[in-house]
Protein backbone atom coordinates (compact mmCIF):
# COMPACT_ATOMS: atom_id res chain seq x y z
CA MET A 1 26.69 33.52 -13.06
CA THR A 2 24.51 35.83 -15.13
CA ILE A 3 22.66 34.49 -18.12
CA SER A 4 22.35 36.51 -21.29
CA TRP A 5 19.15 38.02 -22.63
CA TRP A 6 19.07 35.36 -25.35
CA GLN A 7 19.43 32.52 -22.82
CA GLN A 8 16.62 33.98 -20.71
CA PHE A 9 14.42 34.33 -23.80
CA ASP A 10 15.16 30.71 -24.80
CA ARG A 11 14.36 29.49 -21.28
CA ASN A 12 11.07 31.40 -21.16
CA LEU A 13 10.10 30.17 -24.61
CA ARG A 14 10.73 26.56 -23.62
CA ARG A 15 8.74 27.02 -20.40
CA SER A 16 5.77 28.38 -22.37
CA VAL A 17 5.41 25.18 -24.42
CA PRO A 18 2.68 23.57 -22.24
CA ILE A 19 0.44 26.64 -22.43
CA ALA A 20 1.13 26.94 -26.18
CA LEU A 21 0.11 23.28 -26.54
CA ALA A 22 -3.08 23.98 -24.58
CA VAL A 23 -3.94 26.88 -26.91
CA PHE A 24 -3.16 24.68 -29.92
CA ALA A 25 -5.41 21.95 -28.46
CA VAL A 26 -8.29 24.43 -28.10
CA LEU A 27 -7.81 25.60 -31.68
CA LEU A 28 -7.64 22.01 -32.91
CA SER A 29 -10.86 21.09 -31.10
CA GLY A 30 -12.60 24.15 -32.51
CA MET A 31 -11.60 23.58 -36.12
CA PRO A 32 -14.60 23.58 -38.43
CA ILE A 33 -14.53 20.01 -39.70
CA ARG A 34 -17.35 19.18 -42.08
CA LEU A 35 -18.58 16.02 -40.42
CA PRO A 36 -22.15 15.86 -39.14
CA GLY A 37 -22.18 16.42 -35.38
CA TYR A 38 -18.40 16.77 -35.08
CA ALA A 39 -18.67 19.91 -32.93
CA LEU A 40 -20.58 17.98 -30.29
CA MET A 41 -18.34 14.91 -30.47
CA SER A 42 -14.87 16.42 -30.91
CA PRO A 43 -12.22 15.10 -28.53
CA ALA A 44 -11.27 17.28 -25.57
CA PHE A 45 -7.64 17.70 -26.59
CA VAL A 46 -7.11 20.45 -24.02
CA LEU A 47 -7.98 18.06 -21.17
CA THR A 48 -5.22 15.79 -22.43
CA VAL A 49 -2.72 18.64 -22.31
CA VAL A 50 -3.79 19.76 -18.83
CA PHE A 51 -3.73 16.20 -17.47
CA TYR A 52 -0.28 15.42 -18.89
CA TRP A 53 1.48 18.65 -17.92
CA THR A 54 -0.13 18.91 -14.47
CA LEU A 55 1.13 15.41 -13.81
CA ASN A 56 4.65 16.02 -15.15
CA ARG A 57 5.40 19.76 -14.86
CA PRO A 58 2.67 21.54 -12.87
CA ASP A 59 4.93 24.57 -12.48
CA LEU A 60 4.45 25.30 -16.20
CA LEU A 61 0.64 25.58 -16.01
CA PRO A 62 -0.14 28.69 -13.98
CA PRO A 63 -3.83 29.02 -13.06
CA GLY A 64 -4.18 32.40 -14.74
CA ALA A 65 -2.97 31.02 -18.05
CA LEU A 66 -5.26 27.99 -17.73
CA PHE A 67 -8.18 30.29 -17.05
CA ALA A 68 -7.36 32.27 -20.19
CA VAL A 69 -7.10 29.06 -22.24
CA GLY A 70 -10.48 27.97 -20.86
CA LEU A 71 -12.04 31.31 -21.81
CA LEU A 72 -10.62 30.94 -25.31
CA ASP A 73 -12.20 27.48 -25.46
CA ASP A 74 -15.54 28.94 -24.32
CA PHE A 75 -15.32 31.66 -26.95
CA ILE A 76 -14.45 29.26 -29.79
CA SER A 77 -16.94 26.56 -28.80
CA GLY A 78 -19.76 29.01 -28.09
CA GLY A 79 -20.29 27.53 -24.66
CA PRO A 80 -21.22 29.30 -21.46
CA PRO A 81 -18.55 31.90 -20.62
CA GLY A 82 -16.25 30.60 -17.92
CA LEU A 83 -17.43 26.98 -18.04
CA ASN A 84 -14.36 25.46 -19.70
CA ALA A 85 -12.12 27.80 -17.71
CA ALA A 86 -13.61 26.45 -14.48
CA VAL A 87 -13.35 22.85 -15.72
CA LEU A 88 -9.67 23.26 -16.63
CA LEU A 89 -8.90 24.81 -13.24
CA ALA A 90 -10.78 22.01 -11.47
CA VAL A 91 -8.91 19.33 -13.43
CA ASN A 92 -5.62 21.08 -12.70
CA ALA A 93 -6.39 21.30 -8.97
CA ALA A 94 -7.55 17.68 -8.79
CA MET A 95 -4.49 16.45 -10.65
CA GLU A 96 -2.11 18.44 -8.46
CA THR A 97 -3.46 16.62 -5.41
CA GLN A 98 -2.93 13.22 -7.04
CA ALA A 99 0.20 13.89 -9.11
CA ARG A 100 2.68 12.53 -6.57
CA VAL A 101 0.83 9.20 -6.37
CA LEU A 102 0.15 8.91 -10.10
CA ARG A 103 3.71 9.69 -11.22
CA GLU A 104 4.87 6.36 -9.80
CA GLN A 105 2.21 4.30 -11.55
CA PRO A 106 2.44 2.30 -14.80
CA PHE A 107 1.05 3.86 -17.96
CA GLU A 108 -2.09 1.71 -17.95
CA LEU A 109 -3.11 3.10 -14.57
CA LEU A 110 -2.42 6.65 -15.75
CA TRP A 111 -4.61 5.97 -18.76
CA LEU A 112 -7.38 4.73 -16.47
CA ALA A 113 -7.00 7.83 -14.27
CA PHE A 114 -7.18 9.97 -17.41
CA ALA A 115 -10.39 8.20 -18.44
CA VAL A 116 -11.95 8.95 -15.05
CA VAL A 117 -10.89 12.61 -15.29
CA VAL A 118 -12.24 12.95 -18.83
CA VAL A 119 -15.57 11.34 -18.05
CA GLY A 120 -16.02 13.50 -14.95
CA ALA A 121 -14.92 16.76 -16.58
CA ARG A 122 -16.87 16.19 -19.80
CA LEU A 123 -19.97 15.10 -17.90
CA VAL A 124 -19.99 18.23 -15.76
CA ALA A 125 -19.25 20.50 -18.73
CA THR A 126 -21.85 18.83 -20.96
CA LEU A 127 -24.58 18.88 -18.34
CA LEU A 128 -23.96 22.52 -17.44
CA ALA A 129 -23.81 23.54 -21.11
CA ALA A 130 -27.10 21.70 -21.73
CA LEU A 131 -28.71 23.53 -18.81
CA TRP A 132 -27.34 26.86 -19.99
CA SER A 133 -28.52 26.40 -23.58
CA GLY A 134 -31.80 24.69 -22.74
CA LEU A 135 -30.95 21.67 -24.88
CA ALA A 136 -31.28 18.07 -23.83
CA PHE A 137 -28.23 16.10 -22.72
CA ASP A 138 -26.99 14.03 -25.68
CA LEU A 139 -25.62 10.80 -24.23
CA TYR A 140 -24.36 9.49 -27.58
CA SER A 141 -22.31 12.62 -28.31
CA PHE A 142 -20.96 12.60 -24.76
CA LEU A 143 -19.87 8.96 -25.02
CA VAL A 144 -18.26 9.43 -28.45
CA ALA A 145 -16.37 12.56 -27.35
CA ALA A 146 -15.17 11.01 -24.10
CA GLY A 147 -14.27 7.76 -25.87
CA LEU A 148 -12.29 9.53 -28.59
CA THR A 149 -10.46 11.63 -26.01
CA VAL A 150 -9.51 8.58 -23.97
CA ALA A 151 -8.58 6.55 -27.06
CA LEU A 152 -6.23 9.26 -28.32
CA TYR A 153 -4.44 9.67 -24.97
CA PRO A 154 -1.55 7.23 -25.62
CA VAL A 155 -0.53 9.03 -28.82
CA ALA A 156 -0.91 12.45 -27.20
CA ALA A 157 1.01 11.40 -24.08
CA TRP A 158 3.83 9.93 -26.15
CA THR A 159 4.01 13.13 -28.24
CA MET A 160 4.01 15.40 -25.19
CA GLY A 161 6.59 13.17 -23.51
CA TRP A 162 8.83 13.56 -26.53
CA ILE A 163 8.30 17.35 -26.48
CA GLN A 164 9.07 17.39 -22.76
CA ARG A 165 12.34 15.50 -23.23
CA ILE A 166 13.52 17.40 -26.31
CA VAL A 167 12.28 20.94 -25.69
CA VAL A 168 11.05 21.58 -22.16
CA ALA A 169 13.58 19.56 -20.14
CA GLN A 170 16.33 21.93 -21.18
CA SER A 171 14.58 24.91 -19.59
């Protein structure tokens, strides 16, 4: 059975949702919010997207697209070129190795796994960015950013689960 051009377009559009969400997450994190120190303490929304979709639909997060999203994040945040791209690829690779085990776990354990991933990824990224820029490591900003990211995970996971059921599952 041959599918029409429109059906193929619809399928491809639905399959692009995780990458579109990753781009949206980067743009959301990079929004100029007029709060003192927000840029240093903004949640890592893109890590949430990569964690969720690598766990649930890894086929929809090709490494090349993740690399491009990471470069966009580097460009918007002003960080070292390639740093966030490498972090996203590392998180994706680590999650792919653990996805089969984690899929069977209760949400609380997934949340804990997410916390470990966020702390590890943000710690590496923050330390390397501090070395690159010559600035001191800011523990307070690191803890606030990681804490906000972890605290927002249940809402983000619920939202992406809803998107997966309504939009992506039909692809």
